[in-house]
Amino acid sequence: MIEIEFDHKALMQHSKVLESLLVDMETGGSRSLVAGQKSLYSAIRRYMAQAETELRLLTIGSMGLPNDPRASRYGVSRDKVKSKKGLIWGQIKIFQPKTAGNRTNTYKQPRKLDQNPHQRGGNRVPRSARTQQMLDYGPRDRGFILRFLEGGTGQRTAGTRNGKLHGNRGSIAPRNYFSRASNAHVEQVMQNLANKIDAKIEELVNSGKMTGL
């Protein structure tokens, strides 16, 4: 999970305007904002949502997911922009099981035997029901695979027999694909966000809807 927050002090020219907005939000909530403050608050939430989408797409691109025929890119999600007690934040994350979908996967990996069933050799053993279930996981359900690649797993076994673990399947080392891909683009996304906020404040100031500079 990668959170997006903006630091009003980074916008030196308009830091007082943003600081006043956040203080008023903390003391009276967003409903207490008036005139230019309300317009700025709505714009910031909109820009934050755009920043989430931008970071999500850049992350998906860096992870190589756009070309995944099983559409694992849908396992990377953007959350709703939230605000509370003078803070406004958003995030992108990997889908958790309770938020995953139930759409099945329609992609079938081509096999040489399908193209030439009369060839010699090749794996002719029918797939087990469990293997087929794994292959049929829908795009959003594939988030668990992304979590395995991100954080790794402990030692895995097939079960127990006579009170003992058996069927050692090894472990998966953490690769941090998601965090490295998203962190690589955060600075770029934050700069774009700051530029949008800066331009909005200039617009409100020039129209006489915002004072305090």
N, C-alpha and C. Protein backbone atom coordinates (compact mmCIF):
# COMPACT_ATOMS: atom_id res chain seq x y z
N MET A 1 0.85 -1.19 0.00
CA MET A 1 0.00 0.00 0.00
C MET A 1 0.89 1.25 0.00
N ILE A 2 0.64 2.15 -0.93
CA ILE A 2 1.39 3.39 -1.02
C ILE A 2 0.42 4.55 -0.85
N GLU A 3 0.67 5.39 0.14
CA GLU A 3 -0.20 6.54 0.38
C GLU A 3 0.34 7.78 -0.31
N ILE A 4 -0.59 8.64 -0.71
CA ILE A 4 -0.24 9.92 -1.32
C ILE A 4 -0.70 11.04 -0.39
N GLU A 5 0.22 11.84 0.06
CA GLU A 5 -0.11 13.01 0.86
C GLU A 5 0.62 14.21 0.28
N PHE A 6 0.07 15.38 0.46
CA PHE A 6 0.79 16.56 -0.02
C PHE A 6 1.22 17.41 1.18
N ASP A 7 2.38 17.97 1.07
CA ASP A 7 2.95 18.83 2.11
C ASP A 7 2.76 20.28 1.69
N HIS A 8 1.90 21.00 2.40
CA HIS A 8 1.61 22.38 1.99
C HIS A 8 2.85 23.28 2.07
N LYS A 9 3.83 22.88 2.90
CA LYS A 9 5.03 23.69 3.02
C LYS A 9 5.89 23.63 1.76
N ALA A 10 5.66 22.58 0.94
CA ALA A 10 6.42 22.46 -0.30
C ALA A 10 5.98 23.52 -1.31
N LEU A 11 4.76 24.02 -1.15
CA LEU A 11 4.26 25.09 -2.02
C LEU A 11 4.51 26.41 -1.29
N MET A 12 5.72 26.86 -1.31
CA MET A 12 6.13 28.00 -0.49
C MET A 12 5.30 29.24 -0.76
N GLN A 13 4.96 29.49 -2.02
CA GLN A 13 4.26 30.72 -2.36
C GLN A 13 2.87 30.77 -1.73
N HIS A 14 2.23 29.59 -1.61
CA HIS A 14 0.86 29.56 -1.11
C HIS A 14 0.72 28.72 0.16
N SER A 15 1.80 28.56 0.90
CA SER A 15 1.76 27.71 2.08
C SER A 15 0.78 28.23 3.13
N LYS A 16 0.66 29.55 3.26
CA LYS A 16 -0.26 30.12 4.26
C LYS A 16 -1.71 29.82 3.91
N VAL A 17 -2.05 29.88 2.62
CA VAL A 17 -3.41 29.59 2.19
C VAL A 17 -3.77 28.14 2.52
N LEU A 18 -2.88 27.21 2.19
CA LEU A 18 -3.14 25.80 2.44
C LEU A 18 -3.14 25.49 3.93
N GLU A 19 -2.24 26.12 4.67
CA GLU A 19 -2.21 25.90 6.11
C GLU A 19 -3.51 26.36 6.75
N SER A 20 -4.02 27.51 6.32
CA SER A 20 -5.29 28.02 6.85
C SER A 20 -6.43 27.07 6.52
N LEU A 21 -6.42 26.52 5.29
CA LEU A 21 -7.46 25.58 4.88
C LEU A 21 -7.44 24.34 5.77
N LEU A 22 -6.27 23.77 6.00
CA LEU A 22 -6.17 22.56 6.79
C LEU A 22 -6.51 22.80 8.26
N VAL A 23 -6.15 23.97 8.78
CA VAL A 23 -6.49 24.30 10.17
C VAL A 23 -8.00 24.42 10.32
N ASP A 24 -8.66 25.08 9.38
CA ASP A 24 -10.12 25.22 9.44
C ASP A 24 -10.80 23.87 9.30
N MET A 25 -10.23 22.97 8.49
CA MET A 25 -10.78 21.63 8.36
C MET A 25 -10.67 20.86 9.67
N GLU A 26 -9.56 21.05 10.36
CA GLU A 26 -9.33 20.32 11.60
C GLU A 26 -10.26 20.80 12.72
N THR A 27 -10.52 22.09 12.75
CA THR A 27 -11.35 22.64 13.83
C THR A 27 -12.84 22.55 13.54
N GLY A 28 -13.24 22.77 12.28
CA GLY A 28 -14.67 22.79 11.98
C GLY A 28 -15.12 21.79 10.95
N GLY A 29 -14.19 21.02 10.39
CA GLY A 29 -14.56 20.06 9.38
C GLY A 29 -14.71 20.72 8.01
N SER A 30 -14.76 19.90 6.97
CA SER A 30 -14.83 20.44 5.61
C SER A 30 -16.12 21.21 5.35
N ARG A 31 -17.19 20.90 6.09
CA ARG A 31 -18.46 21.60 5.88
C ARG A 31 -18.41 23.05 6.35
N SER A 32 -17.41 23.38 7.17
CA SER A 32 -17.30 24.75 7.68
C SER A 32 -16.59 25.67 6.70
N LEU A 33 -16.02 25.12 5.63
CA LEU A 33 -15.29 25.93 4.66
C LEU A 33 -16.27 26.77 3.83
N VAL A 34 -15.81 27.93 3.43
CA VAL A 34 -16.67 28.84 2.67
C VAL A 34 -15.91 29.37 1.45
N ALA A 35 -16.68 29.80 0.47
CA ALA A 35 -16.16 30.50 -0.71
C ALA A 35 -14.95 29.80 -1.32
N GLY A 36 -13.83 30.55 -1.41
CA GLY A 36 -12.65 30.03 -2.07
C GLY A 36 -12.09 28.79 -1.40
N GLN A 37 -12.19 28.71 -0.08
CA GLN A 37 -11.69 27.53 0.61
C GLN A 37 -12.43 26.27 0.17
N LYS A 38 -13.75 26.39 0.03
CA LYS A 38 -14.54 25.23 -0.38
C LYS A 38 -14.16 24.80 -1.80
N SER A 39 -13.96 25.77 -2.68
CA SER A 39 -13.56 25.46 -4.06
C SER A 39 -12.20 24.79 -4.09
N LEU A 40 -11.27 25.29 -3.26
CA LEU A 40 -9.93 24.73 -3.21
C LEU A 40 -9.96 23.31 -2.65
N TYR A 41 -10.76 23.10 -1.61
CA TYR A 41 -10.88 21.77 -1.00
C TYR A 41 -11.39 20.75 -2.02
N SER A 42 -12.43 21.12 -2.76
CA SER A 42 -12.99 20.22 -3.77
C SER A 42 -11.98 19.92 -4.87
N ALA A 43 -11.22 20.96 -5.25
CA ALA A 43 -10.22 20.79 -6.31
C ALA A 43 -9.10 19.85 -5.84
N ILE A 44 -8.66 20.01 -4.59
CA ILE A 44 -7.59 19.17 -4.07
C ILE A 44 -8.01 17.70 -4.05
N ARG A 45 -9.25 17.44 -3.61
CA ARG A 45 -9.74 16.06 -3.60
C ARG A 45 -9.77 15.49 -5.02
N ARG A 46 -10.18 16.32 -5.97
CA ARG A 46 -10.24 15.88 -7.37
C ARG A 46 -8.83 15.60 -7.90
N TYR A 47 -7.90 16.47 -7.57
CA TYR A 47 -6.51 16.29 -8.03
C TYR A 47 -5.88 15.06 -7.36
N MET A 48 -6.24 14.81 -6.10
CA MET A 48 -5.71 13.64 -5.42
C MET A 48 -6.19 12.35 -6.09
N ALA A 49 -7.47 12.34 -6.51
CA ALA A 49 -8.00 11.18 -7.22
C ALA A 49 -7.26 10.97 -8.54
N GLN A 50 -6.96 12.06 -9.22
CA GLN A 50 -6.21 11.98 -10.47
C GLN A 50 -4.79 11.48 -10.21
N ALA A 51 -4.22 11.91 -9.09
CA ALA A 51 -2.86 11.47 -8.73
C ALA A 51 -2.84 9.97 -8.44
N GLU A 52 -3.88 9.48 -7.77
CA GLU A 52 -3.98 8.05 -7.51
C GLU A 52 -4.01 7.26 -8.82
N THR A 53 -4.85 7.71 -9.75
CA THR A 53 -4.95 7.04 -11.05
C THR A 53 -3.62 7.07 -11.80
N GLU A 54 -2.97 8.23 -11.77
CA GLU A 54 -1.68 8.38 -12.44
C GLU A 54 -0.64 7.43 -11.85
N LEU A 55 -0.57 7.38 -10.52
CA LEU A 55 0.41 6.51 -9.86
C LEU A 55 0.09 5.05 -10.12
N ARG A 56 -1.18 4.71 -10.12
CA ARG A 56 -1.59 3.32 -10.39
C ARG A 56 -1.14 2.88 -11.78
N LEU A 57 -1.40 3.71 -12.79
CA LEU A 57 -1.04 3.35 -14.16
C LEU A 57 0.47 3.27 -14.35
N LEU A 58 1.21 4.19 -13.73
CA LEU A 58 2.67 4.15 -13.82
C LEU A 58 3.23 2.91 -13.14
N THR A 59 2.63 2.55 -12.00
CA THR A 59 3.07 1.35 -11.28
C THR A 59 2.80 0.09 -12.10
N ILE A 60 1.61 0.01 -12.67
CA ILE A 60 1.26 -1.14 -13.50
C ILE A 60 2.22 -1.27 -14.67
N GLY A 61 2.57 -0.13 -15.27
CA GLY A 61 3.51 -0.15 -16.38
C GLY A 61 4.89 -0.64 -15.97
N SER A 62 5.36 -0.20 -14.81
CA SER A 62 6.69 -0.60 -14.34
C SER A 62 6.73 -2.07 -13.94
N MET A 63 5.60 -2.61 -13.50
CA MET A 63 5.55 -4.02 -13.11
C MET A 63 5.36 -4.93 -14.32
N GLY A 64 5.15 -4.36 -15.49
CA GLY A 64 4.96 -5.16 -16.69
C GLY A 64 3.59 -5.82 -16.77
N LEU A 65 2.62 -5.30 -16.04
CA LEU A 65 1.30 -5.93 -15.99
C LEU A 65 0.38 -5.60 -17.17
N PRO A 66 0.58 -4.49 -17.89
CA PRO A 66 -0.35 -4.21 -18.99
C PRO A 66 -0.41 -5.32 -20.02
N ASN A 67 0.67 -6.08 -20.18
CA ASN A 67 0.72 -7.13 -21.19
C ASN A 67 0.37 -8.51 -20.64
N ASP A 68 -0.04 -8.58 -19.38
CA ASP A 68 -0.39 -9.86 -18.78
C ASP A 68 -1.74 -10.32 -19.33
N PRO A 69 -1.80 -11.44 -20.05
CA PRO A 69 -3.07 -11.89 -20.63
C PRO A 69 -4.12 -12.25 -19.59
N ARG A 70 -3.69 -12.50 -18.35
CA ARG A 70 -4.66 -12.81 -17.29
C ARG A 70 -5.09 -11.56 -16.54
N ALA A 71 -4.68 -10.39 -17.03
CA ALA A 71 -5.16 -9.09 -16.52
C ALA A 71 -4.89 -8.90 -15.03
N SER A 72 -3.69 -9.27 -14.57
CA SER A 72 -3.34 -9.07 -13.16
C SER A 72 -3.29 -7.60 -12.77
N ARG A 73 -3.27 -6.70 -13.78
CA ARG A 73 -3.23 -5.27 -13.48
C ARG A 73 -4.42 -4.82 -12.64
N TYR A 74 -5.54 -5.56 -12.74
CA TYR A 74 -6.71 -5.19 -11.94
C TYR A 74 -6.52 -5.51 -10.47
N GLY A 75 -5.45 -6.24 -10.14
CA GLY A 75 -5.14 -6.48 -8.74
C GLY A 75 -4.53 -5.27 -8.06
N VAL A 76 -4.11 -4.26 -8.85
CA VAL A 76 -3.60 -3.00 -8.31
C VAL A 76 -4.75 -2.00 -8.32
N SER A 77 -5.11 -1.51 -7.15
CA SER A 77 -6.32 -0.69 -7.01
C SER A 77 -6.00 0.67 -6.44
N ARG A 78 -6.81 1.66 -6.81
CA ARG A 78 -6.75 2.97 -6.15
C ARG A 78 -7.94 3.08 -5.21
N ASP A 79 -7.69 3.70 -4.07
CA ASP A 79 -8.74 3.84 -3.05
C ASP A 79 -9.42 5.19 -3.20
N LYS A 80 -10.51 5.38 -2.47
CA LYS A 80 -11.19 6.68 -2.47
C LYS A 80 -10.36 7.70 -1.71
N VAL A 81 -10.37 8.93 -2.18
CA VAL A 81 -9.68 10.00 -1.47
C VAL A 81 -10.44 10.30 -0.18
N LYS A 82 -9.71 10.42 0.92
CA LYS A 82 -10.34 10.64 2.22
C LYS A 82 -9.78 11.91 2.86
N SER A 83 -10.56 12.49 3.72
CA SER A 83 -10.11 13.67 4.46
C SER A 83 -10.67 13.61 5.87
N LYS A 84 -9.82 13.96 6.84
CA LYS A 84 -10.25 13.95 8.24
C LYS A 84 -9.27 14.74 9.07
N LYS A 85 -9.80 15.61 9.92
CA LYS A 85 -8.99 16.37 10.88
C LYS A 85 -7.81 17.07 10.23
N GLY A 86 -8.07 17.78 9.17
CA GLY A 86 -7.02 18.58 8.54
C GLY A 86 -6.08 17.81 7.65
N LEU A 87 -6.42 16.57 7.30
CA LEU A 87 -5.60 15.77 6.40
C LEU A 87 -6.42 15.35 5.19
N ILE A 88 -5.77 15.29 4.06
CA ILE A 88 -6.38 14.77 2.84
C ILE A 88 -5.40 13.76 2.27
N TRP A 89 -5.85 12.55 2.02
CA TRP A 89 -4.92 11.53 1.54
C TRP A 89 -5.63 10.53 0.61
N GLY A 90 -4.81 9.86 -0.17
CA GLY A 90 -5.28 8.80 -1.04
C GLY A 90 -4.25 7.71 -1.07
N GLN A 91 -4.55 6.61 -1.74
CA GLN A 91 -3.59 5.51 -1.76
C GLN A 91 -3.88 4.56 -2.92
N ILE A 92 -2.84 3.84 -3.34
CA ILE A 92 -3.03 2.71 -4.22
C ILE A 92 -2.57 1.47 -3.46
N LYS A 93 -3.14 0.33 -3.78
CA LYS A 93 -2.85 -0.87 -3.00
C LYS A 93 -3.12 -2.10 -3.85
N ILE A 94 -2.77 -3.26 -3.31
CA ILE A 94 -3.10 -4.53 -3.92
C ILE A 94 -4.39 -5.03 -3.30
N PHE A 95 -5.31 -5.49 -4.12
CA PHE A 95 -6.61 -5.93 -3.63
C PHE A 95 -6.46 -6.96 -2.51
N GLN A 96 -7.27 -6.80 -1.47
CA GLN A 96 -7.38 -7.78 -0.41
C GLN A 96 -8.48 -8.78 -0.78
N PRO A 97 -8.45 -10.00 -0.22
CA PRO A 97 -9.44 -11.01 -0.58
C PRO A 97 -10.89 -10.55 -0.45
N LYS A 98 -11.20 -9.79 0.60
CA LYS A 98 -12.59 -9.39 0.81
C LYS A 98 -13.07 -8.38 -0.22
N THR A 99 -12.15 -7.74 -0.94
CA THR A 99 -12.55 -6.77 -1.95
C THR A 99 -12.35 -7.31 -3.36
N ALA A 100 -11.91 -8.56 -3.47
CA ALA A 100 -11.68 -9.13 -4.80
C ALA A 100 -12.99 -9.48 -5.47
N GLY A 101 -12.94 -9.64 -6.77
CA GLY A 101 -14.15 -9.94 -7.52
C GLY A 101 -14.33 -11.43 -7.72
N ASN A 102 -15.45 -11.80 -8.36
CA ASN A 102 -15.73 -13.21 -8.60
C ASN A 102 -15.75 -13.52 -10.09
N ARG A 103 -15.23 -12.61 -10.90
CA ARG A 103 -15.17 -12.83 -12.34
C ARG A 103 -14.06 -13.83 -12.66
N THR A 104 -14.37 -14.85 -13.45
CA THR A 104 -13.38 -15.86 -13.78
C THR A 104 -12.53 -15.43 -14.96
N ASN A 105 -11.37 -16.05 -15.06
CA ASN A 105 -10.43 -15.75 -16.13
C ASN A 105 -10.80 -16.54 -17.39
N THR A 106 -10.78 -15.88 -18.53
CA THR A 106 -11.14 -16.54 -19.78
C THR A 106 -9.91 -16.90 -20.62
N TYR A 107 -8.74 -16.45 -20.18
CA TYR A 107 -7.52 -16.73 -20.95
C TYR A 107 -7.09 -18.18 -20.75
N LYS A 108 -6.78 -18.85 -21.82
CA LYS A 108 -6.28 -20.22 -21.78
C LYS A 108 -4.89 -20.25 -22.42
N GLN A 109 -3.90 -20.62 -21.63
CA GLN A 109 -2.53 -20.64 -22.14
C GLN A 109 -2.40 -21.70 -23.23
N PRO A 110 -1.89 -21.32 -24.40
CA PRO A 110 -1.76 -22.29 -25.49
C PRO A 110 -0.74 -23.38 -25.17
N ARG A 111 -1.03 -24.60 -25.58
CA ARG A 111 -0.14 -25.73 -25.37
C ARG A 111 0.18 -26.36 -26.72
N LYS A 112 1.39 -26.85 -26.84
CA LYS A 112 1.79 -27.47 -28.10
C LYS A 112 0.92 -28.68 -28.43
N LEU A 113 0.50 -29.40 -27.40
CA LEU A 113 -0.33 -30.58 -27.64
C LEU A 113 -1.70 -30.21 -28.19
N ASP A 114 -2.19 -29.01 -27.86
CA ASP A 114 -3.46 -28.57 -28.40
C ASP A 114 -3.36 -28.34 -29.90
N GLN A 115 -2.19 -27.89 -30.33
CA GLN A 115 -1.98 -27.61 -31.75
C GLN A 115 -1.65 -28.88 -32.53
N ASN A 116 -0.97 -29.81 -31.87
CA ASN A 116 -0.59 -31.06 -32.55
C ASN A 116 -0.75 -32.22 -31.57
N PRO A 117 -1.98 -32.69 -31.40
CA PRO A 117 -2.23 -33.74 -30.39
C PRO A 117 -1.58 -35.08 -30.71
N HIS A 118 -1.09 -35.25 -31.93
CA HIS A 118 -0.51 -36.53 -32.31
C HIS A 118 1.02 -36.56 -32.15
N GLN A 119 1.60 -35.46 -31.67
CA GLN A 119 3.05 -35.43 -31.51
C GLN A 119 3.49 -36.39 -30.41
N ARG A 120 4.73 -36.79 -30.48
CA ARG A 120 5.29 -37.64 -29.44
C ARG A 120 5.73 -36.80 -28.24
N GLY A 121 5.66 -37.38 -27.08
CA GLY A 121 6.09 -36.68 -25.87
C GLY A 121 5.09 -35.63 -25.45
N GLY A 122 5.50 -34.80 -24.50
CA GLY A 122 4.62 -33.76 -23.98
C GLY A 122 3.86 -34.23 -22.76
N ASN A 123 3.39 -33.30 -21.98
CA ASN A 123 2.64 -33.63 -20.76
C ASN A 123 1.18 -33.89 -21.13
N ARG A 124 0.78 -35.15 -21.05
CA ARG A 124 -0.58 -35.53 -21.41
C ARG A 124 -1.45 -35.79 -20.18
N VAL A 125 -0.91 -35.50 -18.99
CA VAL A 125 -1.68 -35.71 -17.76
C VAL A 125 -2.74 -34.62 -17.64
N PRO A 126 -4.00 -34.98 -17.48
CA PRO A 126 -5.06 -33.96 -17.34
C PRO A 126 -4.81 -33.08 -16.12
N ARG A 127 -5.19 -31.82 -16.21
CA ARG A 127 -5.03 -30.91 -15.09
C ARG A 127 -5.97 -31.31 -13.95
N SER A 128 -5.46 -31.15 -12.73
CA SER A 128 -6.30 -31.43 -11.57
C SER A 128 -7.31 -30.30 -11.39
N ALA A 129 -8.33 -30.59 -10.59
CA ALA A 129 -9.37 -29.58 -10.34
C ALA A 129 -8.76 -28.35 -9.66
N ARG A 130 -7.78 -28.56 -8.76
CA ARG A 130 -7.15 -27.45 -8.06
C ARG A 130 -6.34 -26.59 -9.02
N THR A 131 -5.60 -27.24 -9.93
CA THR A 131 -4.82 -26.49 -10.91
C THR A 131 -5.74 -25.67 -11.80
N GLN A 132 -6.84 -26.25 -12.23
CA GLN A 132 -7.79 -25.53 -13.08
C GLN A 132 -8.41 -24.36 -12.34
N GLN A 133 -8.67 -24.55 -11.02
CA GLN A 133 -9.22 -23.45 -10.22
C GLN A 133 -8.24 -22.29 -10.16
N MET A 134 -6.96 -22.61 -10.00
CA MET A 134 -5.94 -21.56 -9.94
C MET A 134 -5.87 -20.80 -11.26
N LEU A 135 -5.97 -21.53 -12.36
CA LEU A 135 -5.90 -20.90 -13.68
C LEU A 135 -7.13 -20.06 -13.96
N ASP A 136 -8.24 -20.38 -13.33
CA ASP A 136 -9.49 -19.68 -13.60
C ASP A 136 -9.70 -18.45 -12.73
N TYR A 137 -8.77 -18.18 -11.80
CA TYR A 137 -8.92 -16.98 -10.97
C TYR A 137 -9.09 -15.76 -11.86
N GLY A 138 -10.08 -14.92 -11.51
CA GLY A 138 -10.33 -13.71 -12.28
C GLY A 138 -9.28 -12.65 -12.06
N PRO A 139 -9.33 -11.56 -12.84
CA PRO A 139 -8.31 -10.50 -12.76
C PRO A 139 -8.13 -9.94 -11.36
N ARG A 140 -9.22 -9.61 -10.68
CA ARG A 140 -9.10 -9.00 -9.36
C ARG A 140 -8.63 -10.03 -8.32
N ASP A 141 -9.02 -11.29 -8.50
CA ASP A 141 -8.60 -12.33 -7.56
C ASP A 141 -7.12 -12.61 -7.63
N ARG A 142 -6.46 -12.17 -8.68
CA ARG A 142 -5.04 -12.45 -8.82
C ARG A 142 -4.19 -11.54 -7.94
N GLY A 143 -4.85 -10.69 -7.16
CA GLY A 143 -4.12 -9.84 -6.22
C GLY A 143 -3.30 -10.65 -5.24
N PHE A 144 -3.77 -11.87 -4.90
CA PHE A 144 -3.01 -12.66 -3.93
C PHE A 144 -1.65 -13.07 -4.50
N ILE A 145 -1.58 -13.23 -5.83
CA ILE A 145 -0.30 -13.55 -6.45
C ILE A 145 0.64 -12.35 -6.34
N LEU A 146 0.12 -11.15 -6.54
CA LEU A 146 0.93 -9.95 -6.41
C LEU A 146 1.41 -9.78 -4.98
N ARG A 147 0.58 -10.16 -4.01
CA ARG A 147 1.01 -10.06 -2.61
C ARG A 147 2.11 -11.07 -2.31
N PHE A 148 2.03 -12.27 -2.90
CA PHE A 148 3.10 -13.25 -2.73
C PHE A 148 4.42 -12.70 -3.26
N LEU A 149 4.37 -12.08 -4.45
CA LEU A 149 5.58 -11.54 -5.05
C LEU A 149 6.10 -10.35 -4.26
N GLU A 150 5.20 -9.59 -3.66
CA GLU A 150 5.60 -8.40 -2.90
C GLU A 150 6.23 -8.77 -1.56
N GLY A 151 5.50 -9.53 -0.75
CA GLY A 151 5.96 -9.80 0.61
C GLY A 151 6.53 -11.18 0.85
N GLY A 152 6.43 -12.08 -0.15
CA GLY A 152 6.94 -13.43 0.02
C GLY A 152 6.02 -14.27 0.90
N THR A 153 6.42 -15.49 1.15
CA THR A 153 5.65 -16.40 1.99
C THR A 153 6.60 -17.16 2.92
N GLY A 154 6.03 -17.76 3.94
CA GLY A 154 6.80 -18.66 4.79
C GLY A 154 6.88 -20.03 4.14
N GLN A 155 7.37 -21.00 4.89
CA GLN A 155 7.46 -22.36 4.37
C GLN A 155 6.07 -22.91 4.11
N ARG A 156 5.84 -23.47 2.93
CA ARG A 156 4.53 -23.97 2.56
C ARG A 156 4.56 -25.49 2.42
N THR A 157 3.46 -26.13 2.87
CA THR A 157 3.33 -27.57 2.76
C THR A 157 1.98 -27.91 2.15
N ALA A 158 1.84 -29.16 1.73
CA ALA A 158 0.58 -29.60 1.12
C ALA A 158 -0.44 -30.01 2.18
N GLY A 159 -0.01 -30.19 3.42
CA GLY A 159 -0.94 -30.59 4.48
C GLY A 159 -0.23 -31.41 5.53
N THR A 160 -1.00 -32.14 6.31
CA THR A 160 -0.45 -32.97 7.37
C THR A 160 -0.88 -34.43 7.16
N ARG A 161 -0.05 -35.32 7.62
CA ARG A 161 -0.37 -36.74 7.57
C ARG A 161 0.20 -37.39 8.81
N ASN A 162 -0.69 -38.04 9.55
CA ASN A 162 -0.28 -38.66 10.83
C ASN A 162 0.36 -37.64 11.76
N GLY A 163 -0.18 -36.43 11.72
CA GLY A 163 0.31 -35.39 12.62
C GLY A 163 1.58 -34.72 12.17
N LYS A 164 2.08 -35.06 10.98
CA LYS A 164 3.32 -34.48 10.49
C LYS A 164 3.09 -33.73 9.19
N LEU A 165 3.82 -32.64 9.01
CA LEU A 165 3.72 -31.87 7.77
C LEU A 165 4.36 -32.66 6.64
N HIS A 166 3.78 -32.59 5.47
CA HIS A 166 4.36 -33.26 4.32
C HIS A 166 4.08 -32.44 3.07
N GLY A 167 4.70 -32.83 1.97
CA GLY A 167 4.50 -32.11 0.71
C GLY A 167 5.15 -30.73 0.74
N ASN A 168 6.43 -30.66 1.08
CA ASN A 168 7.13 -29.39 1.18
C ASN A 168 7.12 -28.65 -0.16
N ARG A 169 6.54 -27.47 -0.18
CA ARG A 169 6.47 -26.67 -1.41
C ARG A 169 7.41 -25.47 -1.36
N GLY A 170 8.24 -25.42 -0.34
CA GLY A 170 9.20 -24.33 -0.25
C GLY A 170 8.56 -23.01 0.14
N SER A 171 9.30 -21.95 -0.04
CA SER A 171 8.82 -20.61 0.29
C SER A 171 9.12 -19.66 -0.86
N ILE A 172 8.48 -18.51 -0.85
CA ILE A 172 8.70 -17.49 -1.87
C ILE A 172 9.38 -16.30 -1.22
N ALA A 173 10.53 -15.90 -1.74
CA ALA A 173 11.25 -14.75 -1.18
C ALA A 173 10.55 -13.46 -1.61
N PRO A 174 10.49 -12.46 -0.73
CA PRO A 174 9.87 -11.18 -1.10
C PRO A 174 10.63 -10.49 -2.23
N ARG A 175 9.89 -10.02 -3.22
CA ARG A 175 10.52 -9.35 -4.37
C ARG A 175 10.29 -7.84 -4.36
N ASN A 176 9.27 -7.39 -3.62
CA ASN A 176 8.95 -5.96 -3.51
C ASN A 176 8.71 -5.30 -4.87
N TYR A 177 8.10 -6.04 -5.79
CA TYR A 177 7.82 -5.49 -7.11
C TYR A 177 6.91 -4.26 -7.01
N PHE A 178 5.84 -4.38 -6.23
CA PHE A 178 4.85 -3.31 -6.15
C PHE A 178 5.43 -2.06 -5.51
N SER A 179 6.07 -2.20 -4.35
CA SER A 179 6.58 -1.03 -3.63
C SER A 179 7.69 -0.33 -4.42
N ARG A 180 8.58 -1.11 -5.05
CA ARG A 180 9.66 -0.49 -5.83
C ARG A 180 9.10 0.23 -7.06
N ALA A 181 8.11 -0.38 -7.71
CA ALA A 181 7.52 0.23 -8.91
C ALA A 181 6.78 1.50 -8.57
N SER A 182 6.01 1.50 -7.49
CA SER A 182 5.22 2.68 -7.13
C SER A 182 6.10 3.79 -6.56
N ASN A 183 7.07 3.44 -5.71
CA ASN A 183 7.95 4.46 -5.13
C ASN A 183 8.77 5.18 -6.20
N ALA A 184 9.03 4.49 -7.30
CA ALA A 184 9.83 5.09 -8.37
C ALA A 184 9.11 6.26 -9.03
N HIS A 185 7.79 6.32 -8.87
CA HIS A 185 7.01 7.35 -9.57
C HIS A 185 6.34 8.35 -8.62
N VAL A 186 6.47 8.15 -7.31
CA VAL A 186 5.78 9.03 -6.36
C VAL A 186 6.20 10.48 -6.52
N GLU A 187 7.50 10.73 -6.65
CA GLU A 187 7.99 12.11 -6.74
C GLU A 187 7.40 12.81 -7.97
N GLN A 188 7.36 12.12 -9.09
CA GLN A 188 6.79 12.69 -10.31
C GLN A 188 5.31 13.01 -10.13
N VAL A 189 4.57 12.08 -9.53
CA VAL A 189 3.14 12.28 -9.31
C VAL A 189 2.89 13.43 -8.35
N MET A 190 3.71 13.52 -7.29
CA MET A 190 3.53 14.58 -6.32
C MET A 190 3.84 15.95 -6.92
N GLN A 191 4.80 16.01 -7.82
CA GLN A 191 5.11 17.28 -8.47
C GLN A 191 3.95 17.72 -9.36
N ASN A 192 3.36 16.79 -10.08
CA ASN A 192 2.19 17.11 -10.90
C ASN A 192 1.03 17.58 -10.04
N LEU A 193 0.86 16.93 -8.88
CA LEU A 193 -0.21 17.32 -7.96
C LEU A 193 0.03 18.73 -7.43
N ALA A 194 1.27 19.02 -7.03
CA ALA A 194 1.60 20.35 -6.51
C ALA A 194 1.36 21.42 -7.57
N ASN A 195 1.69 21.14 -8.82
CA ASN A 195 1.48 22.11 -9.90
C ASN A 195 0.01 22.42 -10.09
N LYS A 196 -0.84 21.40 -10.00
CA LYS A 196 -2.28 21.60 -10.16
C LYS A 196 -2.85 22.44 -9.01
N ILE A 197 -2.41 22.13 -7.79
CA ILE A 197 -2.89 22.90 -6.64
C ILE A 197 -2.43 24.35 -6.73
N ASP A 198 -1.19 24.54 -7.12
CA ASP A 198 -0.64 25.89 -7.27
C ASP A 198 -1.43 26.69 -8.29
N ALA A 199 -1.76 26.06 -9.42
CA ALA A 199 -2.50 26.75 -10.47
C ALA A 199 -3.92 27.08 -10.01
N LYS A 200 -4.53 26.19 -9.22
CA LYS A 200 -5.88 26.44 -8.73
C LYS A 200 -5.91 27.61 -7.76
N ILE A 201 -4.91 27.69 -6.89
CA ILE A 201 -4.86 28.81 -5.95
C ILE A 201 -4.68 30.13 -6.71
N GLU A 202 -3.82 30.13 -7.71
CA GLU A 202 -3.62 31.32 -8.53
C GLU A 202 -4.93 31.77 -9.17
N GLU A 203 -5.69 30.78 -9.66
CA GLU A 203 -6.98 31.07 -10.28
C GLU A 203 -7.94 31.71 -9.29
N LEU A 204 -8.01 31.16 -8.06
CA LEU A 204 -8.92 31.69 -7.04
C LEU A 204 -8.48 33.06 -6.57
N VAL A 205 -7.17 33.26 -6.43
CA VAL A 205 -6.66 34.56 -6.01
C VAL A 205 -6.94 35.63 -7.05
N ASN A 206 -6.68 35.31 -8.31
CA ASN A 206 -6.90 36.28 -9.38
C ASN A 206 -8.37 36.64 -9.57
N SER A 207 -9.26 35.72 -9.19
CA SER A 207 -10.69 35.99 -9.31
C SER A 207 -11.27 36.66 -8.07
N GLY A 208 -10.40 36.88 -7.06
CA GLY A 208 -10.83 37.55 -5.83
C GLY A 208 -11.56 36.67 -4.86
N LYS A 209 -11.53 35.33 -5.06
CA LYS A 209 -12.25 34.40 -4.17
C LYS A 209 -11.39 33.90 -3.03
N MET A 210 -10.10 34.21 -3.07
CA MET A 210 -9.19 33.72 -2.04
C MET A 210 -8.31 34.88 -1.57
N THR A 211 -8.24 35.07 -0.27
CA THR A 211 -7.39 36.12 0.30
C THR A 211 -6.46 35.49 1.31
N GLY A 212 -5.49 36.25 1.75
CA GLY A 212 -4.60 35.78 2.81
C GLY A 212 -3.17 35.57 2.36
N LEU A 213 -2.88 35.89 1.06
CA LEU A 213 -1.50 35.74 0.61
C LEU A 213 -0.63 36.83 1.21
